[in-house]
């Protein structure tokens, strides 16, 4: 009776072939490169065939290796889908969403009631972090990010782009007097976000303001804290218009100078494309794309 080779060598070969690298395979599998190499060598000895051409530190699949890789990738994909489906049948449905604190609090959370009305049985876990996103380690289903990710397993779809414009509190504007042009902006305290540290430099170049220190002012860890500081009269913040639409509508913030830097801020929906989407992932994606198409803040 034909005996299948052990699972670990098969998995090590599949990842190494898919990533095109022993080192990257070791990182994905959380083992040493030597362990991956030994597993691959085991398979080659098992079949009596060469699966990789080895050139210094690089590896390239042979013709037979490419054929075997395609079959294994399909097989592991089916196992992954079946395991996810079995897991979902035995626990309450939960959707894991990753996004920044500012985007979550200022754009996403105010809109979520409409999503939950349509999906009452769905639990949602939010991860808000300033650290880089790791889809594998963080067990994320969907992420909303300011930059796209493209790769073998991930894909990104543009949600929306929005303008950057200088804003402050109504009381601050009344106290400092009318701001007639970009040159007047630099006479006042500028509020920065450490995450978007280049925004003021970009806006000042766009506005034609030279000879000033673009980094001068007060810096906060996130844009959300900066917007709150502007509401409290600390200075002028360069804000993403879509994230302060409600503040503008309720006059918690006002436009200090109507000179927007068009489309400078963008948000992308990112997800795994090597996994079959669950029903709730598809529903969330359709919902958030619909929300992103509407320029108005939720009522």
C-alpha atoms as a PDB file:
ATOM      1  CA  UNK A   1       0.000   0.000   0.000  1.00  0.00           C
ATOM      2  CA  UNK A   2       1.320   3.440  -0.994  1.00  0.00           C
ATOM      3  CA  UNK A   3       2.375   5.497   2.012  1.00  0.00           C
ATOM      4  CA  UNK A   4       2.077   9.282   1.968  1.00  0.00           C
ATOM      5  CA  UNK A   5       5.052  11.350   3.136  1.00  0.00           C
ATOM      6  CA  UNK A   6       4.691  13.095   6.526  1.00  0.00           C
ATOM      7  CA  UNK A   7       2.703  16.353   6.702  1.00  0.00           C
ATOM      8  CA  UNK A   8       5.515  18.603   7.982  1.00  0.00           C
ATOM      9  CA  UNK A   9       7.811  18.106   4.955  1.00  0.00           C
ATOM     10  CA  UNK A  10       4.845  18.628   2.635  1.00  0.00           C
ATOM     11  CA  UNK A  11       3.932  21.873   4.384  1.00  0.00           C
ATOM     12  CA  UNK A  12       7.530  23.102   4.428  1.00  0.00           C
ATOM     13  CA  UNK A  13       7.897  22.446   0.692  1.00  0.00           C
ATOM     14  CA  UNK A  14       4.559  24.136  -0.114  1.00  0.00           C
ATOM     15  CA  UNK A  15       5.461  27.309   1.764  1.00  0.00           C
ATOM     16  CA  UNK A  16       9.027  27.422   0.399  1.00  0.00           C
ATOM     17  CA  UNK A  17       7.757  26.926  -3.145  1.00  0.00           C
ATOM     18  CA  UNK A  18       4.985  29.499  -2.783  1.00  0.00           C
ATOM     19  CA  UNK A  19       7.278  32.101  -1.205  1.00  0.00           C
ATOM     20  CA  UNK A  20      10.236  31.269  -3.447  1.00  0.00           C
ATOM     21  CA  UNK A  21      12.558  31.356  -0.468  1.00  0.00           C
ATOM     22  CA  UNK A  22      13.729  29.038   2.309  1.00  0.00           C
ATOM     23  CA  UNK A  23      14.207  32.036   4.621  1.00  0.00           C
ATOM     24  CA  UNK A  24      10.695  33.437   4.052  1.00  0.00           C
ATOM     25  CA  UNK A  25       9.222  29.969   4.494  1.00  0.00           C
ATOM     26  CA  UNK A  26      11.022  29.633   7.828  1.00  0.00           C
ATOM     27  CA  UNK A  27       9.609  32.993   8.964  1.00  0.00           C
ATOM     28  CA  UNK A  28       6.053  31.999   7.997  1.00  0.00           C
ATOM     29  CA  UNK A  29       6.324  28.616   9.698  1.00  0.00           C
ATOM     30  CA  UNK A  30       8.202  30.013  12.706  1.00  0.00           C
ATOM     31  CA  UNK A  31      11.056  27.517  12.357  1.00  0.00           C
ATOM     32  CA  UNK A  32      14.702  27.789  11.318  1.00  0.00           C
ATOM     33  CA  UNK A  33      15.793  27.866   7.652  1.00  0.00           C
ATOM     34  CA  UNK A  34      17.754  24.695   8.373  1.00  0.00           C
ATOM     35  CA  UNK A  35      14.571  22.896   9.426  1.00  0.00           C
ATOM     36  CA  UNK A  36      12.834  23.906   6.182  1.00  0.00           C
ATOM     37  CA  UNK A  37      15.834  22.742   4.139  1.00  0.00           C
ATOM     38  CA  UNK A  38      15.862  19.372   5.920  1.00  0.00           C
ATOM     39  CA  UNK A  39      12.135  18.866   5.257  1.00  0.00           C
ATOM     40  CA  UNK A  40      12.589  19.666   1.565  1.00  0.00           C
ATOM     41  CA  UNK A  41      15.594  17.345   1.354  1.00  0.00           C
ATOM     42  CA  UNK A  42      13.511  14.604   3.008  1.00  0.00           C
ATOM     43  CA  UNK A  43      10.875  14.900   0.255  1.00  0.00           C
ATOM     44  CA  UNK A  44      13.483  14.874  -2.496  1.00  0.00           C
ATOM     45  CA  UNK A  45      15.019  11.720  -1.004  1.00  0.00           C
ATOM     46  CA  UNK A  46      11.561  10.216  -0.542  1.00  0.00           C
ATOM     47  CA  UNK A  47      10.642  10.679  -4.214  1.00  0.00           C
ATOM     48  CA  UNK A  48      14.126  10.383  -5.643  1.00  0.00           C
ATOM     49  CA  UNK A  49      13.475  13.620  -7.521  1.00  0.00           C
ATOM     50  CA  UNK A  50      14.854  17.144  -7.328  1.00  0.00           C
ATOM     51  CA  UNK A  51      12.151  19.668  -6.386  1.00  0.00           C
ATOM     52  CA  UNK A  52      14.355  22.785  -6.221  1.00  0.00           C
ATOM     53  CA  UNK A  53      17.341  24.113  -8.136  1.00  0.00           C
ATOM     54  CA  UNK A  54      19.668  25.655  -5.541  1.00  0.00           C
ATOM     55  CA  UNK A  55      21.754  28.706  -6.467  1.00  0.00           C
ATOM     56  CA  UNK A  56      23.730  30.152  -3.554  1.00  0.00           C
ATOM     57  CA  UNK A  57      20.988  31.351  -1.165  1.00  0.00           C
ATOM     58  CA  UNK A  58      18.205  31.292  -3.734  1.00  0.00           C
ATOM     59  CA  UNK A  59      15.969  28.398  -4.725  1.00  0.00           C
ATOM     60  CA  UNK A  60      13.952  27.861  -7.879  1.00  0.00           C
ATOM     61  CA  UNK A  61      11.392  25.155  -8.498  1.00  0.00           C
ATOM     62  CA  UNK A  62      12.137  22.459 -11.039  1.00  0.00           C
ATOM     63  CA  UNK A  63       9.416  21.479 -13.523  1.00  0.00           C
ATOM     64  CA  UNK A  64       8.315  18.542 -11.357  1.00  0.00           C
ATOM     65  CA  UNK A  65       8.482  20.822  -8.294  1.00  0.00           C
ATOM     66  CA  UNK A  66       6.116  23.334  -9.910  1.00  0.00           C
ATOM     67  CA  UNK A  67       3.610  20.617 -10.727  1.00  0.00           C
ATOM     68  CA  UNK A  68       3.716  19.193  -7.213  1.00  0.00           C
ATOM     69  CA  UNK A  69       3.499  22.664  -5.645  1.00  0.00           C
ATOM     70  CA  UNK A  70       0.293  23.488  -7.536  1.00  0.00           C
ATOM     71  CA  UNK A  71      -1.352  20.320  -6.252  1.00  0.00           C
ATOM     72  CA  UNK A  72      -0.201  20.886  -2.657  1.00  0.00           C
ATOM     73  CA  UNK A  73      -1.245  24.543  -2.593  1.00  0.00           C
ATOM     74  CA  UNK A  74      -4.715  23.540  -3.737  1.00  0.00           C
ATOM     75  CA  UNK A  75      -4.869  20.737  -1.163  1.00  0.00           C
ATOM     76  CA  UNK A  76      -3.738  22.915   1.750  1.00  0.00           C
ATOM     77  CA  UNK A  77      -6.178  25.601   0.642  1.00  0.00           C
ATOM     78  CA  UNK A  78      -9.020  23.089   0.802  1.00  0.00           C
ATOM     79  CA  UNK A  79      -7.892  21.921   4.249  1.00  0.00           C
ATOM     80  CA  UNK A  80      -7.740  25.536   5.423  1.00  0.00           C
ATOM     81  CA  UNK A  81     -11.251  26.295   4.113  1.00  0.00           C
ATOM     82  CA  UNK A  82     -12.700  23.109   5.623  1.00  0.00           C
ATOM     83  CA  UNK A  83     -11.071  23.804   8.992  1.00  0.00           C
ATOM     84  CA  UNK A  84     -12.389  27.368   9.056  1.00  0.00           C
ATOM     85  CA  UNK A  85     -15.886  26.168   8.201  1.00  0.00           C
ATOM     86  CA  UNK A  86     -15.801  23.525  10.920  1.00  0.00           C
ATOM     87  CA  UNK A  87     -14.534  26.082  13.432  1.00  0.00           C
ATOM     88  CA  UNK A  88     -17.262  28.548  12.508  1.00  0.00           C
ATOM     89  CA  UNK A  89     -19.962  25.912  12.982  1.00  0.00           C
ATOM     90  CA  UNK A  90     -18.801  25.303  16.539  1.00  0.00           C
ATOM     91  CA  UNK A  91     -18.508  28.860  17.796  1.00  0.00           C
ATOM     92  CA  UNK A  92     -20.462  32.064  17.647  1.00  0.00           C
ATOM     93  CA  UNK A  93     -19.670  33.976  14.478  1.00  0.00           C
ATOM     94  CA  UNK A  94     -17.033  36.650  15.026  1.00  0.00           C
ATOM     95  CA  UNK A  95     -15.452  39.122  12.633  1.00  0.00           C
ATOM     96  CA  UNK A  96     -11.961  40.447  13.427  1.00  0.00           C
ATOM     97  CA  UNK A  97     -11.306  43.969  12.108  1.00  0.00           C
ATOM     98  CA  UNK A  98      -8.016  45.884  12.327  1.00  0.00           C
ATOM     99  CA  UNK A  99      -7.823  49.658  11.898  1.00  0.00           C
ATOM    100  CA  UNK A 100      -6.202  52.734  13.389  1.00  0.00           C
ATOM    101  CA  UNK A 101      -7.616  54.418  16.493  1.00  0.00           C
ATOM    102  CA  UNK A 102      -8.436  57.624  14.605  1.00  0.00           C
ATOM    103  CA  UNK A 103     -10.219  55.902  11.737  1.00  0.00           C
ATOM    104  CA  UNK A 104     -12.126  53.576  14.081  1.00  0.00           C
ATOM    105  CA  UNK A 105     -13.369  56.266  16.445  1.00  0.00           C
ATOM    106  CA  UNK A 106     -14.017  59.043  13.936  1.00  0.00           C
ATOM    107  CA  UNK A 107     -15.307  57.247  10.854  1.00  0.00           C
ATOM    108  CA  UNK A 108     -16.146  53.611  11.513  1.00  0.00           C
ATOM    109  CA  UNK A 109     -17.821  53.518  14.941  1.00  0.00           C
ATOM    110  CA  UNK A 110     -20.427  56.227  14.142  1.00  0.00           C
ATOM    111  CA  UNK A 111     -21.548  54.166  11.147  1.00  0.00           C
ATOM    112  CA  UNK A 112     -21.555  50.722  12.797  1.00  0.00           C
ATOM    113  CA  UNK A 113     -25.145  50.831  14.145  1.00  0.00           C
ATOM    114  CA  UNK A 114     -26.495  50.386  10.611  1.00  0.00           C
ATOM    115  CA  UNK A 115     -24.258  47.337  10.092  1.00  0.00           C
ATOM    116  CA  UNK A 116     -25.364  45.705  13.351  1.00  0.00           C
ATOM    117  CA  UNK A 117     -29.019  46.298  12.565  1.00  0.00           C
ATOM    118  CA  UNK A 118     -28.550  44.162   9.446  1.00  0.00           C
ATOM    119  CA  UNK A 119     -26.304  41.572  11.178  1.00  0.00           C
ATOM    120  CA  UNK A 120     -27.675  41.100  14.715  1.00  0.00           C
ATOM    121  CA  UNK A 121     -26.001  37.709  15.315  1.00  0.00           C
ATOM    122  CA  UNK A 122     -22.490  38.837  14.445  1.00  0.00           C
ATOM    123  CA  UNK A 123     -19.846  39.593  17.087  1.00  0.00           C
ATOM    124  CA  UNK A 124     -17.103  42.009  16.053  1.00  0.00           C
ATOM    125  CA  UNK A 125     -13.626  42.303  17.597  1.00  0.00           C
ATOM    126  CA  UNK A 126     -11.675  45.478  16.852  1.00  0.00           C
ATOM    127  CA  UNK A 127      -7.906  45.752  17.059  1.00  0.00           C
ATOM    128  CA  UNK A 128      -6.670  49.342  17.032  1.00  0.00           C
ATOM    129  CA  UNK A 129      -2.929  49.667  17.016  1.00  0.00           C
ATOM    130  CA  UNK A 130      -0.105  51.928  15.921  1.00  0.00           C
ATOM    131  CA  UNK A 131       2.084  48.865  15.292  1.00  0.00           C
ATOM    132  CA  UNK A 132       2.508  47.385  11.776  1.00  0.00           C
ATOM    133  CA  UNK A 133      -0.188  44.947  10.710  1.00  0.00           C
ATOM    134  CA  UNK A 134       0.604  41.229  10.685  1.00  0.00           C
ATOM    135  CA  UNK A 135      -2.334  39.305   9.186  1.00  0.00           C
ATOM    136  CA  UNK A 136      -0.969  35.936  10.312  1.00  0.00           C
ATOM    137  CA  UNK A 137      -0.022  36.809  13.882  1.00  0.00           C
ATOM    138  CA  UNK A 138      -3.002  39.084  14.551  1.00  0.00           C
ATOM    139  CA  UNK A 139      -5.614  36.678  13.097  1.00  0.00           C
ATOM    140  CA  UNK A 140      -7.256  39.527  11.207  1.00  0.00           C
ATOM    141  CA  UNK A 141     -10.172  38.982   8.812  1.00  0.00           C
ATOM    142  CA  UNK A 142     -10.338  42.523   7.410  1.00  0.00           C
ATOM    143  CA  UNK A 143      -8.086  45.564   7.850  1.00  0.00           C
ATOM    144  CA  UNK A 144      -8.593  49.233   7.041  1.00  0.00           C
ATOM    145  CA  UNK A 145      -5.289  50.994   6.423  1.00  0.00           C
ATOM    146  CA  UNK A 146      -3.921  54.264   5.083  1.00  0.00           C
ATOM    147  CA  UNK A 147      -1.661  52.351   2.664  1.00  0.00           C
ATOM    148  CA  UNK A 148      -2.353  49.363   0.387  1.00  0.00           C
ATOM    149  CA  UNK A 149      -0.765  45.929   0.814  1.00  0.00           C
ATOM    150  CA  UNK A 150      -0.320  43.664  -2.187  1.00  0.00           C
ATOM    151  CA  UNK A 151       1.285  40.234  -2.132  1.00  0.00           C
ATOM    152  CA  UNK A 152       0.838  36.530  -2.680  1.00  0.00           C
ATOM    153  CA  UNK A 153      -1.890  36.340  -0.026  1.00  0.00           C
ATOM    154  CA  UNK A 154      -3.219  39.881   0.432  1.00  0.00           C
ATOM    155  CA  UNK A 155      -5.076  42.387  -1.671  1.00  0.00           C
ATOM    156  CA  UNK A 156      -6.216  45.958  -1.031  1.00  0.00           C
ATOM    157  CA  UNK A 157      -9.213  47.875  -2.384  1.00  0.00           C
ATOM    158  CA  UNK A 158      -9.461  51.676  -2.204  1.00  0.00           C
ATOM    159  CA  UNK A 159     -12.269  52.757   0.131  1.00  0.00           C
ATOM    160  CA  UNK A 160     -12.015  56.495  -0.362  1.00  0.00           C
ATOM    161  CA  UNK A 161      -9.643  59.410  -0.593  1.00  0.00           C
ATOM    162  CA  UNK A 162     -10.101  62.674   1.245  1.00  0.00           C
ATOM    163  CA  UNK A 163      -8.628  66.167   1.444  1.00  0.00           C
ATOM    164  CA  UNK A 164      -6.297  67.674   4.032  1.00  0.00           C
ATOM    165  CA  UNK A 165      -7.347  71.100   5.282  1.00  0.00           C
ATOM    166  CA  UNK A 166      -6.385  73.368   8.204  1.00  0.00           C
ATOM    167  CA  UNK A 167      -8.986  73.499  10.980  1.00  0.00           C
ATOM    168  CA  UNK A 168      -9.317  74.997  14.445  1.00  0.00           C
ATOM    169  CA  UNK A 169     -11.977  75.752  17.036  1.00  0.00           C
ATOM    170  CA  UNK A 170     -14.432  78.627  16.422  1.00  0.00           C
ATOM    171  CA  UNK A 171     -13.143  80.385  19.548  1.00  0.00           C
ATOM    172  CA  UNK A 172      -9.534  80.093  18.388  1.00  0.00           C
ATOM    173  CA  UNK A 173     -10.405  81.616  15.003  1.00  0.00           C
ATOM    174  CA  UNK A 174     -12.357  84.436  16.657  1.00  0.00           C
ATOM    175  CA  UNK A 175      -9.460  85.197  19.003  1.00  0.00           C
ATOM    176  CA  UNK A 176      -6.685  85.147  16.405  1.00  0.00           C
ATOM    177  CA  UNK A 177      -8.627  87.137  13.840  1.00  0.00           C
ATOM    178  CA  UNK A 178      -9.268  86.344  10.156  1.00  0.00           C
ATOM    179  CA  UNK A 179      -6.747  84.176   8.344  1.00  0.00           C
ATOM    180  CA  UNK A 180      -6.419  85.664   4.890  1.00  0.00           C
ATOM    181  CA  UNK A 181      -3.829  83.375   3.369  1.00  0.00           C
ATOM    182  CA  UNK A 182      -1.250  80.614   3.919  1.00  0.00           C
ATOM    183  CA  UNK A 183       1.238  83.078   5.353  1.00  0.00           C
ATOM    184  CA  UNK A 184      -1.124  83.788   8.240  1.00  0.00           C
ATOM    185  CA  UNK A 185      -1.260  80.074   9.156  1.00  0.00           C
ATOM    186  CA  UNK A 186       2.401  79.930  10.117  1.00  0.00           C
ATOM    187  CA  UNK A 187       1.975  82.709  12.685  1.00  0.00           C
ATOM    188  CA  UNK A 188      -0.052  80.318  14.825  1.00  0.00           C
ATOM    189  CA  UNK A 189       0.657  77.044  16.624  1.00  0.00           C
ATOM    190  CA  UNK A 190       0.432  74.095  14.268  1.00  0.00           C
ATOM    191  CA  UNK A 191      -0.759  70.735  15.600  1.00  0.00           C
ATOM    192  CA  UNK A 192       0.896  67.591  14.194  1.00  0.00           C
ATOM    193  CA  UNK A 193       0.237  63.838  14.258  1.00  0.00           C
ATOM    194  CA  UNK A 194       3.302  61.627  14.689  1.00  0.00           C
ATOM    195  CA  UNK A 195       1.682  59.045  12.414  1.00  0.00           C
ATOM    196  CA  UNK A 196       1.215  61.603   9.606  1.00  0.00           C
ATOM    197  CA  UNK A 197       4.340  63.631  10.306  1.00  0.00           C
ATOM    198  CA  UNK A 198       4.764  64.911   6.710  1.00  0.00           C
ATOM    199  CA  UNK A 199       1.279  66.373   6.283  1.00  0.00           C
ATOM    200  CA  UNK A 200       2.129  69.971   7.208  1.00  0.00           C
ATOM    201  CA  UNK A 201       5.255  69.932   5.029  1.00  0.00           C
ATOM    202  CA  UNK A 202       3.172  68.752   2.059  1.00  0.00           C
ATOM    203  CA  UNK A 203       0.474  71.361   2.667  1.00  0.00           C
ATOM    204  CA  UNK A 204       2.959  74.232   3.092  1.00  0.00           C
ATOM    205  CA  UNK A 205       4.678  73.294  -0.186  1.00  0.00           C
ATOM    206  CA  UNK A 206       1.292  73.083  -1.890  1.00  0.00           C
ATOM    207  CA  UNK A 207       0.324  76.491  -0.442  1.00  0.00           C
ATOM    208  CA  UNK A 208       3.605  78.056  -1.603  1.00  0.00           C
ATOM    209  CA  UNK A 209       4.940  78.812   1.863  1.00  0.00           C
ATOM    210  CA  UNK A 210       8.756  78.707   2.009  1.00  0.00           C
ATOM    211  CA  UNK A 211      11.363  79.414   4.655  1.00  0.00           C
ATOM    212  CA  UNK A 212       9.513  78.022   7.676  1.00  0.00           C
ATOM    213  CA  UNK A 213      10.140  75.003   9.860  1.00  0.00           C
ATOM    214  CA  UNK A 214       7.388  72.620   8.759  1.00  0.00           C
ATOM    215  CA  UNK A 215       7.806  70.530  11.929  1.00  0.00           C
ATOM    216  CA  UNK A 216       7.379  73.429  14.340  1.00  0.00           C
ATOM    217  CA  UNK A 217       4.434  73.188  16.715  1.00  0.00           C
ATOM    218  CA  UNK A 218       2.948  70.544  18.994  1.00  0.00           C
ATOM    219  CA  UNK A 219       2.989  66.844  18.059  1.00  0.00           C
ATOM    220  CA  UNK A 220       0.549  64.182  19.293  1.00  0.00           C
ATOM    221  CA  UNK A 221       0.787  60.424  18.932  1.00  0.00           C
ATOM    222  CA  UNK A 222      -2.323  60.189  16.739  1.00  0.00           C
ATOM    223  CA  UNK A 223      -4.466  62.411  14.543  1.00  0.00           C
ATOM    224  CA  UNK A 224      -7.418  61.833  16.855  1.00  0.00           C
ATOM    225  CA  UNK A 225      -5.578  63.467  19.770  1.00  0.00           C
ATOM    226  CA  UNK A 226      -4.527  66.317  17.505  1.00  0.00           C
ATOM    227  CA  UNK A 227      -8.112  66.974  16.430  1.00  0.00           C
ATOM    228  CA  UNK A 228      -9.220  67.054  20.060  1.00  0.00           C
ATOM    229  CA  UNK A 229      -6.443  69.533  20.847  1.00  0.00           C
ATOM    230  CA  UNK A 230      -7.668  71.750  18.010  1.00  0.00           C
ATOM    231  CA  UNK A 231     -11.221  71.553  19.396  1.00  0.00           C
ATOM    232  CA  UNK A 232      -9.862  72.746  22.738  1.00  0.00           C
ATOM    233  CA  UNK A 233      -8.245  75.802  21.140  1.00  0.00           C
ATOM    234  CA  UNK A 234      -4.598  74.723  21.217  1.00  0.00           C
ATOM    235  CA  UNK A 235      -3.881  75.648  17.616  1.00  0.00           C
ATOM    236  CA  UNK A 236      -4.508  74.717  13.986  1.00  0.00           C
ATOM    237  CA  UNK A 237      -4.578  71.057  12.928  1.00  0.00           C
ATOM    238  CA  UNK A 238      -4.228  69.739   9.399  1.00  0.00           C
ATOM    239  CA  UNK A 239      -7.181  67.349   9.300  1.00  0.00           C
ATOM    240  CA  UNK A 240      -8.468  64.608   7.048  1.00  0.00           C
ATOM    241  CA  UNK A 241     -11.810  66.047   5.976  1.00  0.00           C
ATOM    242  CA  UNK A 242     -13.708  62.743   5.968  1.00  0.00           C
ATOM    243  CA  UNK A 243     -12.717  62.101   9.590  1.00  0.00           C
ATOM    244  CA  UNK A 244     -13.959  65.458  10.892  1.00  0.00           C
ATOM    245  CA  UNK A 245     -17.186  65.793   8.878  1.00  0.00           C
ATOM    246  CA  UNK A 246     -19.307  65.554  12.024  1.00  0.00           C
ATOM    247  CA  UNK A 247     -17.113  68.092  13.854  1.00  0.00           C
ATOM    248  CA  UNK A 248     -17.536  70.544  10.988  1.00  0.00           C
ATOM    249  CA  UNK A 249     -21.293  69.957  10.843  1.00  0.00           C
ATOM    250  CA  UNK A 250     -21.632  70.592  14.608  1.00  0.00           C
ATOM    251  CA  UNK A 251     -19.071  73.456  14.556  1.00  0.00           C
ATOM    252  CA  UNK A 252     -16.761  71.811  17.037  1.00  0.00           C
ATOM    253  CA  UNK A 253     -14.182  72.611  14.358  1.00  0.00           C
ATOM    254  CA  UNK A 254     -14.174  75.211  11.580  1.00  0.00           C
ATOM    255  CA  UNK A 255     -12.026  75.612   8.470  1.00  0.00           C
ATOM    256  CA  UNK A 256      -9.205  78.042   9.243  1.00  0.00           C
ATOM    257  CA  UNK A 257      -8.379  78.581   5.557  1.00  0.00           C
ATOM    258  CA  UNK A 258     -10.296  77.053   2.664  1.00  0.00           C
ATOM    259  CA  UNK A 259      -7.257  75.731   0.823  1.00  0.00           C
ATOM    260  CA  UNK A 260      -7.562  71.908   0.804  1.00  0.00           C
ATOM    261  CA  UNK A 261      -4.838  69.592  -0.405  1.00  0.00           C
ATOM    262  CA  UNK A 262      -6.996  67.359  -2.581  1.00  0.00           C
ATOM    263  CA  UNK A 263      -7.052  63.577  -2.190  1.00  0.00           C
ATOM    264  CA  UNK A 264      -3.872  63.424  -0.090  1.00  0.00           C
ATOM    265  CA  UNK A 265      -5.283  60.975   2.512  1.00  0.00           C
ATOM    266  CA  UNK A 266      -6.504  57.531   1.433  1.00  0.00           C
ATOM    267  CA  UNK A 267      -7.943  54.445   3.118  1.00  0.00           C
ATOM    268  CA  UNK A 268      -7.864  50.891   1.826  1.00  0.00           C
ATOM    269  CA  UNK A 269      -9.751  47.718   2.721  1.00  0.00           C
ATOM    270  CA  UNK A 270      -7.270  44.833   2.941  1.00  0.00           C
ATOM    271  CA  UNK A 271      -8.043  41.118   3.235  1.00  0.00           C
ATOM    272  CA  UNK A 272      -6.636  37.656   2.539  1.00  0.00           C
ATOM    273  CA  UNK A 273      -7.299  36.568  -1.017  1.00  0.00           C
ATOM    274  CA  UNK A 274      -5.938  33.060  -0.484  1.00  0.00           C
ATOM    275  CA  UNK A 275      -8.923  32.248   1.745  1.00  0.00           C
ATOM    276  CA  UNK A 276     -12.537  31.921   0.805  1.00  0.00           C
ATOM    277  CA  UNK A 277     -14.465  34.837   2.284  1.00  0.00           C
ATOM    278  CA  UNK A 278     -17.064  34.033   4.925  1.00  0.00           C
ATOM    279  CA  UNK A 279     -20.584  35.318   4.446  1.00  0.00           C
ATOM    280  CA  UNK A 280     -20.042  37.970   7.122  1.00  0.00           C
ATOM    281  CA  UNK A 281     -16.770  39.158   5.613  1.00  0.00           C
ATOM    282  CA  UNK A 282     -18.534  39.631   2.287  1.00  0.00           C
ATOM    283  CA  UNK A 283     -21.391  41.461   4.004  1.00  0.00           C
ATOM    284  CA  UNK A 284     -19.003  43.753   5.848  1.00  0.00           C
ATOM    285  CA  UNK A 285     -17.055  44.503   2.676  1.00  0.00           C
ATOM    286  CA  UNK A 286     -20.241  45.365   0.755  1.00  0.00           C
ATOM    287  CA  UNK A 287     -21.474  47.512   3.651  1.00  0.00           C
ATOM    288  CA  UNK A 288     -18.265  49.498   4.149  1.00  0.00           C
ATOM    289  CA  UNK A 289     -17.834  50.102   0.410  1.00  0.00           C
ATOM    290  CA  UNK A 290     -21.375  51.492   0.354  1.00  0.00           C
ATOM    291  CA  UNK A 291     -20.605  53.704   3.365  1.00  0.00           C
ATOM    292  CA  UNK A 292     -17.395  54.937   1.766  1.00  0.00           C
ATOM    293  CA  UNK A 293     -19.318  56.001  -1.347  1.00  0.00           C
ATOM    294  CA  UNK A 294     -21.444  58.399   0.742  1.00  0.00           C
ATOM    295  CA  UNK A 295     -19.838  61.798   1.440  1.00  0.00           C
ATOM    296  CA  UNK A 296     -22.181  62.614   4.341  1.00  0.00           C
ATOM    297  CA  UNK A 297     -21.568  61.735   8.001  1.00  0.00           C
ATOM    298  CA  UNK A 298     -24.155  59.446   9.628  1.00  0.00           C
ATOM    299  CA  UNK A 299     -27.192  61.217  11.028  1.00  0.00           C
END
